[in-house]
Amino acid sequence: MLRGGALPVGLEVVEKRTVGPTLGMISLQKSKVAVMVGIIAVVLYMLAMYRLPGLLADFALIVYAVIVLAIMTGLNAVLTLPGIAGLLLSLGMAVDANIIIFERFREEMKKGKSLRAAVDSGFGRAFWTVIDASVTTLIAALILFYFGTGPVRGFALTLMIGISASLVTAIFLTRFLLKQAVRVKSLSNRKLYS
């Protein structure tokens, strides 16, 4: 029975349709293609714009995907279309976190700082911006999960998992990888990082 609220309004059926499973399968296939095209576009964009840091961010995004899928598998979660939307949004936020970090890094390089100093200052300047964006999104996802039902809760859950994983990969893993790359003398050419 459909309950639209507390108003005493009767339900009048105007139209009734039955949708077969093939429609859902077609949507799922299209979503998979969209995810793959999106991931390839993001990987190429990060490589083109940020070179070596972009490559490191791409690796961190792969780790992000593994973490998210492992958590979802551990929860026996079913990936629905709203869930895919939540994953795509959190993937976008993970990429955005890396872009914020790398742009701060570039700004520090333009000021004439050494690679190590630029990496430290860039992460320091970007840290709270990334945390603020992630925490506010987590709060919104928690509200959606608490008050939502069905597909809305699935969207909120995948968004919370994705945002948490993106925090770990963007703030800790990307930073660690970039600091290790800066230490390698053959990679310490400024042109690789700007």
N, C-alpha and C. Protein backbone atom coordinates (compact mmCIF):
# COMPACT_ATOMS: atom_id res chain seq x y z
N MET A 1 0.85 -1.18 0.00
CA MET A 1 0.00 0.00 0.00
C MET A 1 0.88 1.23 0.00
N LEU A 2 0.54 2.18 -0.81
CA LEU A 2 1.32 3.40 -0.95
C LEU A 2 0.87 4.41 0.10
N ARG A 3 1.81 4.96 0.83
CA ARG A 3 1.45 5.97 1.83
C ARG A 3 2.18 7.25 1.48
N GLY A 4 1.46 8.23 1.05
CA GLY A 4 2.06 9.48 0.60
C GLY A 4 2.10 10.53 1.68
N GLY A 5 1.61 10.29 2.83
CA GLY A 5 1.61 11.28 3.89
C GLY A 5 0.41 11.10 4.78
N ALA A 6 0.15 12.10 5.60
CA ALA A 6 -0.92 11.99 6.58
C ALA A 6 -2.25 12.53 6.04
N LEU A 7 -2.26 13.08 4.84
CA LEU A 7 -3.50 13.62 4.31
C LEU A 7 -4.48 12.51 3.94
N PRO A 8 -5.74 12.67 4.28
CA PRO A 8 -6.73 11.63 3.98
C PRO A 8 -7.17 11.70 2.51
N VAL A 9 -6.27 11.35 1.61
CA VAL A 9 -6.56 11.39 0.19
C VAL A 9 -6.55 9.96 -0.34
N GLY A 10 -7.56 9.62 -1.07
CA GLY A 10 -7.64 8.28 -1.63
C GLY A 10 -6.72 8.13 -2.84
N LEU A 11 -6.35 6.91 -3.14
CA LEU A 11 -5.47 6.61 -4.26
C LEU A 11 -6.31 6.16 -5.43
N GLU A 12 -6.15 6.85 -6.55
CA GLU A 12 -6.85 6.48 -7.77
C GLU A 12 -5.82 6.03 -8.79
N VAL A 13 -5.89 4.80 -9.24
CA VAL A 13 -4.93 4.26 -10.20
C VAL A 13 -5.27 4.80 -11.58
N VAL A 14 -4.35 5.60 -12.14
CA VAL A 14 -4.55 6.17 -13.46
C VAL A 14 -3.91 5.28 -14.53
N GLU A 15 -2.74 4.74 -14.19
CA GLU A 15 -2.04 3.87 -15.13
C GLU A 15 -1.24 2.84 -14.35
N LYS A 16 -1.15 1.66 -14.89
CA LYS A 16 -0.40 0.59 -14.24
C LYS A 16 0.46 -0.08 -15.31
N ARG A 17 1.75 -0.24 -15.01
CA ARG A 17 2.66 -0.87 -15.96
C ARG A 17 3.46 -1.96 -15.27
N THR A 18 3.86 -2.92 -16.05
CA THR A 18 4.75 -3.96 -15.56
C THR A 18 6.03 -3.87 -16.38
N VAL A 19 7.14 -3.78 -15.69
CA VAL A 19 8.43 -3.66 -16.36
C VAL A 19 9.18 -4.97 -16.18
N GLY A 20 9.65 -5.52 -17.27
CA GLY A 20 10.38 -6.79 -17.22
C GLY A 20 11.82 -6.58 -16.80
N PRO A 21 12.53 -7.67 -16.50
CA PRO A 21 13.91 -7.57 -16.04
C PRO A 21 14.89 -7.09 -17.10
N THR A 22 14.51 -7.16 -18.38
CA THR A 22 15.44 -6.74 -19.44
C THR A 22 15.72 -5.24 -19.37
N LEU A 23 14.74 -4.45 -18.94
CA LEU A 23 14.97 -3.01 -18.84
C LEU A 23 16.04 -2.71 -17.79
N GLY A 24 15.97 -3.39 -16.66
CA GLY A 24 16.99 -3.21 -15.62
C GLY A 24 18.36 -3.67 -16.10
N MET A 25 18.41 -4.76 -16.86
CA MET A 25 19.67 -5.28 -17.37
C MET A 25 20.29 -4.29 -18.36
N ILE A 26 19.47 -3.69 -19.20
CA ILE A 26 19.97 -2.70 -20.16
C ILE A 26 20.54 -1.49 -19.42
N SER A 27 19.83 -1.03 -18.40
CA SER A 27 20.32 0.11 -17.62
C SER A 27 21.62 -0.22 -16.91
N LEU A 28 21.71 -1.44 -16.40
CA LEU A 28 22.93 -1.86 -15.71
C LEU A 28 24.11 -1.91 -16.68
N GLN A 29 23.88 -2.45 -17.88
CA GLN A 29 24.95 -2.52 -18.88
C GLN A 29 25.40 -1.12 -19.28
N LYS A 30 24.46 -0.21 -19.49
CA LYS A 30 24.80 1.17 -19.85
C LYS A 30 25.58 1.84 -18.72
N SER A 31 25.20 1.54 -17.48
CA SER A 31 25.90 2.12 -16.34
C SER A 31 27.34 1.62 -16.27
N LYS A 32 27.54 0.33 -16.54
CA LYS A 32 28.89 -0.22 -16.53
C LYS A 32 29.76 0.44 -17.59
N VAL A 33 29.20 0.64 -18.77
CA VAL A 33 29.94 1.31 -19.85
C VAL A 33 30.27 2.74 -19.44
N ALA A 34 29.30 3.43 -18.84
CA ALA A 34 29.52 4.81 -18.40
C ALA A 34 30.61 4.89 -17.35
N VAL A 35 30.63 3.93 -16.42
CA VAL A 35 31.66 3.90 -15.38
C VAL A 35 33.04 3.70 -16.01
N MET A 36 33.15 2.76 -16.94
CA MET A 36 34.44 2.49 -17.58
C MET A 36 34.93 3.70 -18.38
N VAL A 37 34.05 4.31 -19.14
CA VAL A 37 34.43 5.49 -19.92
C VAL A 37 34.85 6.62 -18.98
N GLY A 38 34.11 6.79 -17.90
CA GLY A 38 34.45 7.83 -16.93
C GLY A 38 35.80 7.60 -16.28
N ILE A 39 36.08 6.36 -15.91
CA ILE A 39 37.36 6.05 -15.26
C ILE A 39 38.52 6.28 -16.23
N ILE A 40 38.37 5.83 -17.47
CA ILE A 40 39.43 6.03 -18.47
C ILE A 40 39.66 7.53 -18.70
N ALA A 41 38.58 8.29 -18.79
CA ALA A 41 38.71 9.74 -19.00
C ALA A 41 39.43 10.40 -17.82
N VAL A 42 39.10 9.99 -16.61
CA VAL A 42 39.74 10.56 -15.42
C VAL A 42 41.23 10.22 -15.39
N VAL A 43 41.57 8.96 -15.67
CA VAL A 43 42.97 8.54 -15.67
C VAL A 43 43.77 9.34 -16.69
N LEU A 44 43.24 9.48 -17.89
CA LEU A 44 43.95 10.24 -18.93
C LEU A 44 44.07 11.72 -18.57
N TYR A 45 43.01 12.28 -17.99
CA TYR A 45 43.05 13.69 -17.59
C TYR A 45 44.12 13.93 -16.53
N MET A 46 44.16 13.05 -15.52
CA MET A 46 45.15 13.22 -14.45
C MET A 46 46.57 13.08 -14.98
N LEU A 47 46.78 12.16 -15.91
CA LEU A 47 48.11 12.01 -16.51
C LEU A 47 48.49 13.24 -17.33
N ALA A 48 47.56 13.75 -18.11
CA ALA A 48 47.84 14.90 -18.98
C ALA A 48 48.08 16.17 -18.17
N MET A 49 47.31 16.37 -17.12
CA MET A 49 47.40 17.62 -16.37
C MET A 49 48.53 17.63 -15.33
N TYR A 50 48.79 16.48 -14.72
CA TYR A 50 49.70 16.48 -13.56
C TYR A 50 50.90 15.57 -13.70
N ARG A 51 51.04 14.91 -14.82
CA ARG A 51 52.20 14.05 -15.11
C ARG A 51 52.44 13.01 -14.02
N LEU A 52 53.61 13.05 -13.39
CA LEU A 52 53.94 12.04 -12.37
C LEU A 52 52.97 12.06 -11.19
N PRO A 53 52.65 13.22 -10.62
CA PRO A 53 51.65 13.19 -9.55
C PRO A 53 50.30 12.63 -10.02
N GLY A 54 49.96 12.90 -11.28
CA GLY A 54 48.73 12.34 -11.84
C GLY A 54 48.78 10.83 -11.92
N LEU A 55 49.93 10.29 -12.28
CA LEU A 55 50.11 8.84 -12.32
C LEU A 55 49.97 8.25 -10.91
N LEU A 56 50.56 8.92 -9.94
CA LEU A 56 50.45 8.45 -8.55
C LEU A 56 49.00 8.53 -8.07
N ALA A 57 48.30 9.59 -8.47
CA ALA A 57 46.88 9.72 -8.10
C ALA A 57 46.05 8.63 -8.77
N ASP A 58 46.38 8.29 -10.01
CA ASP A 58 45.68 7.20 -10.69
C ASP A 58 45.86 5.88 -9.93
N PHE A 59 47.08 5.64 -9.47
CA PHE A 59 47.32 4.43 -8.67
C PHE A 59 46.49 4.48 -7.38
N ALA A 60 46.46 5.65 -6.74
CA ALA A 60 45.66 5.80 -5.51
C ALA A 60 44.18 5.58 -5.79
N LEU A 61 43.72 5.98 -6.97
CA LEU A 61 42.31 5.77 -7.32
C LEU A 61 42.01 4.28 -7.53
N ILE A 62 42.98 3.54 -8.04
CA ILE A 62 42.80 2.10 -8.18
C ILE A 62 42.69 1.47 -6.79
N VAL A 63 43.55 1.90 -5.87
CA VAL A 63 43.48 1.40 -4.50
C VAL A 63 42.14 1.79 -3.88
N TYR A 64 41.68 3.01 -4.15
CA TYR A 64 40.37 3.48 -3.68
C TYR A 64 39.26 2.52 -4.14
N ALA A 65 39.29 2.17 -5.42
CA ALA A 65 38.26 1.28 -5.97
C ALA A 65 38.31 -0.09 -5.29
N VAL A 66 39.51 -0.60 -5.06
CA VAL A 66 39.65 -1.90 -4.39
C VAL A 66 39.10 -1.83 -2.96
N ILE A 67 39.40 -0.75 -2.25
CA ILE A 67 38.90 -0.59 -0.88
C ILE A 67 37.37 -0.56 -0.86
N VAL A 68 36.79 0.24 -1.76
CA VAL A 68 35.34 0.38 -1.80
C VAL A 68 34.68 -0.97 -2.12
N LEU A 69 35.20 -1.64 -3.14
CA LEU A 69 34.61 -2.92 -3.52
C LEU A 69 34.79 -3.97 -2.43
N ALA A 70 35.93 -3.94 -1.72
CA ALA A 70 36.15 -4.88 -0.63
C ALA A 70 35.16 -4.65 0.50
N ILE A 71 34.94 -3.38 0.84
CA ILE A 71 33.98 -3.07 1.91
C ILE A 71 32.58 -3.48 1.51
N MET A 72 32.21 -3.19 0.26
CA MET A 72 30.87 -3.55 -0.20
C MET A 72 30.69 -5.07 -0.24
N THR A 73 31.74 -5.78 -0.63
CA THR A 73 31.67 -7.23 -0.63
C THR A 73 31.54 -7.75 0.80
N GLY A 74 32.29 -7.16 1.72
CA GLY A 74 32.21 -7.55 3.13
C GLY A 74 30.83 -7.31 3.73
N LEU A 75 30.14 -6.29 3.25
CA LEU A 75 28.79 -5.99 3.73
C LEU A 75 27.72 -6.75 2.97
N ASN A 76 28.12 -7.55 1.97
CA ASN A 76 27.18 -8.24 1.08
C ASN A 76 26.21 -7.27 0.42
N ALA A 77 26.72 -6.09 0.07
CA ALA A 77 25.89 -5.06 -0.54
C ALA A 77 25.67 -5.37 -2.02
N VAL A 78 24.48 -5.07 -2.47
CA VAL A 78 24.13 -5.25 -3.88
C VAL A 78 24.30 -3.90 -4.56
N LEU A 79 24.98 -3.90 -5.69
CA LEU A 79 25.24 -2.65 -6.39
C LEU A 79 24.06 -2.33 -7.31
N THR A 80 23.26 -1.35 -6.91
CA THR A 80 22.10 -0.92 -7.68
C THR A 80 22.46 0.34 -8.45
N LEU A 81 21.54 0.82 -9.25
CA LEU A 81 21.80 2.06 -9.99
C LEU A 81 22.04 3.25 -9.06
N PRO A 82 21.24 3.43 -8.00
CA PRO A 82 21.58 4.51 -7.06
C PRO A 82 22.93 4.29 -6.39
N GLY A 83 23.28 3.04 -6.14
CA GLY A 83 24.60 2.74 -5.56
C GLY A 83 25.72 3.11 -6.51
N ILE A 84 25.53 2.84 -7.79
CA ILE A 84 26.52 3.22 -8.80
C ILE A 84 26.66 4.74 -8.83
N ALA A 85 25.53 5.44 -8.72
CA ALA A 85 25.57 6.91 -8.69
C ALA A 85 26.36 7.40 -7.48
N GLY A 86 26.17 6.76 -6.33
CA GLY A 86 26.92 7.13 -5.14
C GLY A 86 28.41 6.88 -5.30
N LEU A 87 28.76 5.77 -5.95
CA LEU A 87 30.17 5.47 -6.20
C LEU A 87 30.79 6.48 -7.15
N LEU A 88 30.05 6.84 -8.19
CA LEU A 88 30.58 7.81 -9.15
C LEU A 88 30.78 9.18 -8.50
N LEU A 89 29.84 9.57 -7.65
CA LEU A 89 29.99 10.85 -6.95
C LEU A 89 31.19 10.83 -6.02
N SER A 90 31.38 9.73 -5.29
CA SER A 90 32.53 9.65 -4.39
C SER A 90 33.84 9.54 -5.17
N LEU A 91 33.82 8.89 -6.33
CA LEU A 91 35.00 8.85 -7.19
C LEU A 91 35.36 10.25 -7.66
N GLY A 92 34.34 11.01 -8.03
CA GLY A 92 34.58 12.41 -8.43
C GLY A 92 35.18 13.22 -7.30
N MET A 93 34.72 12.97 -6.09
CA MET A 93 35.27 13.70 -4.94
C MET A 93 36.69 13.26 -4.64
N ALA A 94 37.01 11.98 -4.88
CA ALA A 94 38.38 11.50 -4.68
C ALA A 94 39.32 12.18 -5.68
N VAL A 95 38.87 12.28 -6.92
CA VAL A 95 39.67 12.98 -7.94
C VAL A 95 39.81 14.44 -7.58
N ASP A 96 38.71 15.05 -7.13
CA ASP A 96 38.72 16.46 -6.76
C ASP A 96 39.70 16.72 -5.62
N ALA A 97 39.77 15.81 -4.67
CA ALA A 97 40.71 15.97 -3.55
C ALA A 97 42.15 15.98 -4.07
N ASN A 98 42.46 15.08 -5.00
CA ASN A 98 43.80 15.05 -5.58
C ASN A 98 44.09 16.32 -6.37
N ILE A 99 43.11 16.81 -7.10
CA ILE A 99 43.31 18.04 -7.88
C ILE A 99 43.57 19.23 -6.96
N ILE A 100 42.83 19.32 -5.88
CA ILE A 100 43.05 20.41 -4.91
C ILE A 100 44.48 20.33 -4.37
N ILE A 101 44.90 19.13 -4.01
CA ILE A 101 46.25 18.94 -3.47
C ILE A 101 47.30 19.32 -4.51
N PHE A 102 47.14 18.85 -5.74
CA PHE A 102 48.14 19.11 -6.78
C PHE A 102 48.17 20.58 -7.19
N GLU A 103 47.04 21.26 -7.16
CA GLU A 103 47.03 22.69 -7.49
C GLU A 103 47.74 23.49 -6.40
N ARG A 104 47.56 23.11 -5.16
CA ARG A 104 48.30 23.78 -4.07
C ARG A 104 49.79 23.50 -4.23
N PHE A 105 50.11 22.28 -4.62
CA PHE A 105 51.50 21.89 -4.86
C PHE A 105 52.10 22.75 -5.97
N ARG A 106 51.36 22.94 -7.06
CA ARG A 106 51.83 23.79 -8.17
C ARG A 106 52.06 25.22 -7.72
N GLU A 107 51.14 25.73 -6.92
CA GLU A 107 51.28 27.10 -6.42
C GLU A 107 52.57 27.25 -5.62
N GLU A 108 52.86 26.26 -4.80
CA GLU A 108 54.09 26.31 -4.00
C GLU A 108 55.33 26.22 -4.89
N MET A 109 55.25 25.42 -5.96
CA MET A 109 56.38 25.33 -6.90
C MET A 109 56.61 26.67 -7.60
N LYS A 110 55.53 27.37 -7.94
CA LYS A 110 55.66 28.67 -8.61
C LYS A 110 56.28 29.72 -7.70
N LYS A 111 56.15 29.52 -6.41
CA LYS A 111 56.76 30.44 -5.46
C LYS A 111 58.26 30.20 -5.33
N GLY A 112 58.75 29.15 -6.00
CA GLY A 112 60.18 28.87 -5.99
C GLY A 112 60.63 27.90 -4.92
N LYS A 113 59.71 27.22 -4.27
CA LYS A 113 60.08 26.27 -3.22
C LYS A 113 60.66 25.00 -3.84
N SER A 114 61.46 24.30 -3.06
CA SER A 114 62.00 23.02 -3.51
C SER A 114 60.86 22.01 -3.60
N LEU A 115 61.13 20.88 -4.26
CA LEU A 115 60.09 19.86 -4.42
C LEU A 115 59.56 19.38 -3.07
N ARG A 116 60.47 19.06 -2.16
CA ARG A 116 60.03 18.57 -0.84
C ARG A 116 59.21 19.61 -0.10
N ALA A 117 59.69 20.84 -0.11
CA ALA A 117 58.96 21.90 0.59
C ALA A 117 57.60 22.15 -0.07
N ALA A 118 57.57 22.09 -1.40
CA ALA A 118 56.31 22.30 -2.11
C ALA A 118 55.30 21.19 -1.82
N VAL A 119 55.78 19.96 -1.73
CA VAL A 119 54.89 18.83 -1.41
C VAL A 119 54.32 19.01 -0.01
N ASP A 120 55.18 19.33 0.96
CA ASP A 120 54.72 19.51 2.34
C ASP A 120 53.73 20.67 2.46
N SER A 121 54.09 21.82 1.87
CA SER A 121 53.19 22.97 1.97
C SER A 121 51.90 22.75 1.20
N GLY A 122 52.01 22.11 0.03
CA GLY A 122 50.82 21.86 -0.78
C GLY A 122 49.82 20.99 -0.04
N PHE A 123 50.31 19.92 0.58
CA PHE A 123 49.42 19.06 1.35
C PHE A 123 48.89 19.79 2.58
N GLY A 124 49.74 20.57 3.20
CA GLY A 124 49.30 21.32 4.38
C GLY A 124 48.19 22.30 4.05
N ARG A 125 48.33 23.00 2.94
CA ARG A 125 47.32 23.99 2.54
C ARG A 125 46.02 23.34 2.06
N ALA A 126 46.12 22.15 1.47
CA ALA A 126 44.94 21.48 0.92
C ALA A 126 44.21 20.63 1.95
N PHE A 127 44.90 20.27 3.02
CA PHE A 127 44.36 19.31 3.98
C PHE A 127 42.97 19.68 4.48
N TRP A 128 42.81 20.87 5.03
CA TRP A 128 41.52 21.24 5.63
C TRP A 128 40.43 21.45 4.59
N THR A 129 40.80 21.86 3.39
CA THR A 129 39.80 21.99 2.33
C THR A 129 39.22 20.63 1.99
N VAL A 130 40.09 19.65 1.84
CA VAL A 130 39.65 18.29 1.52
C VAL A 130 38.83 17.70 2.68
N ILE A 131 39.29 17.91 3.91
CA ILE A 131 38.56 17.40 5.08
C ILE A 131 37.18 18.03 5.16
N ASP A 132 37.10 19.36 5.00
CA ASP A 132 35.80 20.05 5.08
C ASP A 132 34.82 19.53 4.04
N ALA A 133 35.27 19.39 2.79
CA ALA A 133 34.39 18.91 1.73
C ALA A 133 33.92 17.49 2.02
N SER A 134 34.81 16.66 2.50
CA SER A 134 34.45 15.26 2.77
C SER A 134 33.52 15.14 3.97
N VAL A 135 33.79 15.88 5.02
CA VAL A 135 32.95 15.79 6.22
C VAL A 135 31.53 16.30 5.94
N THR A 136 31.41 17.40 5.21
CA THR A 136 30.06 17.90 4.90
C THR A 136 29.29 16.92 4.02
N THR A 137 29.98 16.27 3.10
CA THR A 137 29.32 15.26 2.27
C THR A 137 28.94 14.04 3.10
N LEU A 138 29.81 13.65 4.03
CA LEU A 138 29.47 12.53 4.92
C LEU A 138 28.25 12.84 5.78
N ILE A 139 28.15 14.08 6.25
CA ILE A 139 26.98 14.48 7.06
C ILE A 139 25.71 14.37 6.22
N ALA A 140 25.77 14.88 4.98
CA ALA A 140 24.60 14.79 4.10
C ALA A 140 24.24 13.34 3.82
N ALA A 141 25.25 12.49 3.61
CA ALA A 141 24.99 11.07 3.35
C ALA A 141 24.38 10.39 4.58
N LEU A 142 24.86 10.74 5.77
CA LEU A 142 24.28 10.18 7.00
C LEU A 142 22.81 10.56 7.15
N ILE A 143 22.50 11.81 6.83
CA ILE A 143 21.11 12.27 6.91
C ILE A 143 20.25 11.50 5.90
N LEU A 144 20.76 11.35 4.68
CA LEU A 144 20.03 10.59 3.67
C LEU A 144 19.83 9.14 4.11
N PHE A 145 20.85 8.56 4.70
CA PHE A 145 20.76 7.17 5.15
C PHE A 145 19.75 7.03 6.29
N TYR A 146 19.76 7.98 7.22
CA TYR A 146 18.88 7.90 8.38
C TYR A 146 17.41 8.10 8.00
N PHE A 147 17.16 9.11 7.15
CA PHE A 147 15.78 9.44 6.82
C PHE A 147 15.28 8.78 5.54
N GLY A 148 16.18 8.28 4.72
CA GLY A 148 15.78 7.71 3.44
C GLY A 148 15.33 6.27 3.57
N THR A 149 14.81 5.78 2.46
CA THR A 149 14.40 4.38 2.38
C THR A 149 14.87 3.81 1.05
N GLY A 150 14.99 2.50 0.99
CA GLY A 150 15.28 1.80 -0.24
C GLY A 150 16.49 2.32 -1.00
N PRO A 151 16.28 2.75 -2.24
CA PRO A 151 17.38 3.19 -3.10
C PRO A 151 18.14 4.40 -2.53
N VAL A 152 17.45 5.26 -1.81
CA VAL A 152 18.11 6.43 -1.22
C VAL A 152 19.14 5.98 -0.19
N ARG A 153 18.79 4.99 0.60
CA ARG A 153 19.74 4.46 1.59
C ARG A 153 20.93 3.78 0.91
N GLY A 154 20.67 3.09 -0.18
CA GLY A 154 21.77 2.47 -0.94
C GLY A 154 22.73 3.51 -1.49
N PHE A 155 22.17 4.60 -2.03
CA PHE A 155 22.99 5.70 -2.52
C PHE A 155 23.82 6.28 -1.39
N ALA A 156 23.17 6.53 -0.25
CA ALA A 156 23.86 7.13 0.89
C ALA A 156 24.97 6.22 1.42
N LEU A 157 24.70 4.93 1.49
CA LEU A 157 25.70 3.99 2.00
C LEU A 157 26.93 3.95 1.10
N THR A 158 26.72 3.82 -0.20
CA THR A 158 27.88 3.78 -1.10
C THR A 158 28.62 5.10 -1.11
N LEU A 159 27.90 6.19 -0.94
CA LEU A 159 28.55 7.50 -0.87
C LEU A 159 29.41 7.60 0.39
N MET A 160 28.90 7.12 1.52
CA MET A 160 29.69 7.15 2.76
C MET A 160 30.93 6.28 2.66
N ILE A 161 30.78 5.09 2.10
CA ILE A 161 31.93 4.20 1.92
C ILE A 161 32.95 4.85 1.00
N GLY A 162 32.48 5.40 -0.11
CA GLY A 162 33.37 6.01 -1.09
C GLY A 162 34.10 7.23 -0.55
N ILE A 163 33.41 8.08 0.18
CA ILE A 163 34.04 9.28 0.74
C ILE A 163 35.10 8.89 1.77
N SER A 164 34.78 7.91 2.60
CA SER A 164 35.76 7.46 3.60
C SER A 164 37.01 6.90 2.92
N ALA A 165 36.81 6.09 1.88
CA ALA A 165 37.95 5.54 1.16
C ALA A 165 38.74 6.63 0.44
N SER A 166 38.05 7.62 -0.09
CA SER A 166 38.76 8.70 -0.80
C SER A 166 39.60 9.53 0.16
N LEU A 167 39.13 9.70 1.39
CA LEU A 167 39.94 10.41 2.39
C LEU A 167 41.24 9.67 2.65
N VAL A 168 41.13 8.36 2.82
CA VAL A 168 42.33 7.55 3.10
C VAL A 168 43.29 7.62 1.92
N THR A 169 42.79 7.43 0.71
CA THR A 169 43.69 7.37 -0.44
C THR A 169 44.24 8.74 -0.81
N ALA A 170 43.42 9.78 -0.78
CA ALA A 170 43.90 11.11 -1.20
C ALA A 170 44.86 11.72 -0.19
N ILE A 171 44.50 11.63 1.08
CA ILE A 171 45.31 12.31 2.09
C ILE A 171 46.54 11.50 2.49
N PHE A 172 46.38 10.20 2.65
CA PHE A 172 47.50 9.41 3.15
C PHE A 172 48.30 8.74 2.03
N LEU A 173 47.62 8.00 1.16
CA LEU A 173 48.33 7.23 0.15
C LEU A 173 49.00 8.13 -0.90
N THR A 174 48.26 9.10 -1.44
CA THR A 174 48.85 9.98 -2.45
C THR A 174 50.01 10.76 -1.86
N ARG A 175 49.85 11.23 -0.65
CA ARG A 175 50.94 11.97 0.00
C ARG A 175 52.17 11.09 0.18
N PHE A 176 51.96 9.88 0.66
CA PHE A 176 53.07 8.95 0.86
C PHE A 176 53.78 8.68 -0.47
N LEU A 177 53.02 8.38 -1.52
CA LEU A 177 53.62 8.08 -2.83
C LEU A 177 54.38 9.27 -3.38
N LEU A 178 53.81 10.46 -3.24
CA LEU A 178 54.47 11.65 -3.77
C LEU A 178 55.75 11.96 -3.00
N LYS A 179 55.73 11.77 -1.68
CA LYS A 179 56.95 11.99 -0.89
C LYS A 179 58.04 10.98 -1.27
N GLN A 180 57.65 9.75 -1.54
CA GLN A 180 58.63 8.74 -1.96
C GLN A 180 59.20 9.09 -3.33
N ALA A 181 58.36 9.57 -4.24
CA ALA A 181 58.82 9.93 -5.58
C ALA A 181 59.78 11.12 -5.54
N VAL A 182 59.53 12.07 -4.65
CA VAL A 182 60.40 13.24 -4.52
C VAL A 182 61.78 12.82 -4.02
N ARG A 183 61.84 11.78 -3.21
CA ARG A 183 63.13 11.31 -2.68
C ARG A 183 64.01 10.65 -3.73
N VAL A 184 63.41 10.15 -4.79
CA VAL A 184 64.19 9.49 -5.85
C VAL A 184 64.86 10.58 -6.69
N LYS A 185 66.18 10.59 -6.70
CA LYS A 185 66.91 11.67 -7.35
C LYS A 185 66.65 11.75 -8.83
N SER A 186 66.49 10.61 -9.51
CA SER A 186 66.25 10.65 -10.96
C SER A 186 64.87 11.19 -11.29
N LEU A 187 63.95 11.19 -10.32
CA LEU A 187 62.61 11.74 -10.54
C LEU A 187 62.48 13.16 -10.03
N SER A 188 63.54 13.70 -9.47
CA SER A 188 63.46 15.02 -8.85
C SER A 188 63.60 16.16 -9.84
N ASN A 189 63.25 15.92 -11.07
CA ASN A 189 63.26 16.98 -12.08
C ASN A 189 61.96 17.76 -11.98
N ARG A 190 62.05 19.08 -11.87
CA ARG A 190 60.85 19.91 -11.71
C ARG A 190 59.84 19.70 -12.85
N LYS A 191 60.32 19.43 -14.06
CA LYS A 191 59.41 19.31 -15.19
C LYS A 191 58.47 18.13 -15.05
N LEU A 192 58.87 17.12 -14.29
CA LEU A 192 57.98 15.98 -14.08
C LEU A 192 56.80 16.33 -13.18
N TYR A 193 56.92 17.39 -12.44
CA TYR A 193 55.90 17.71 -11.44
C TYR A 193 55.06 18.93 -11.78
N SER A 194 55.44 19.67 -12.78
CA SER A 194 54.69 20.92 -13.02
C SER A 194 53.78 20.79 -14.20
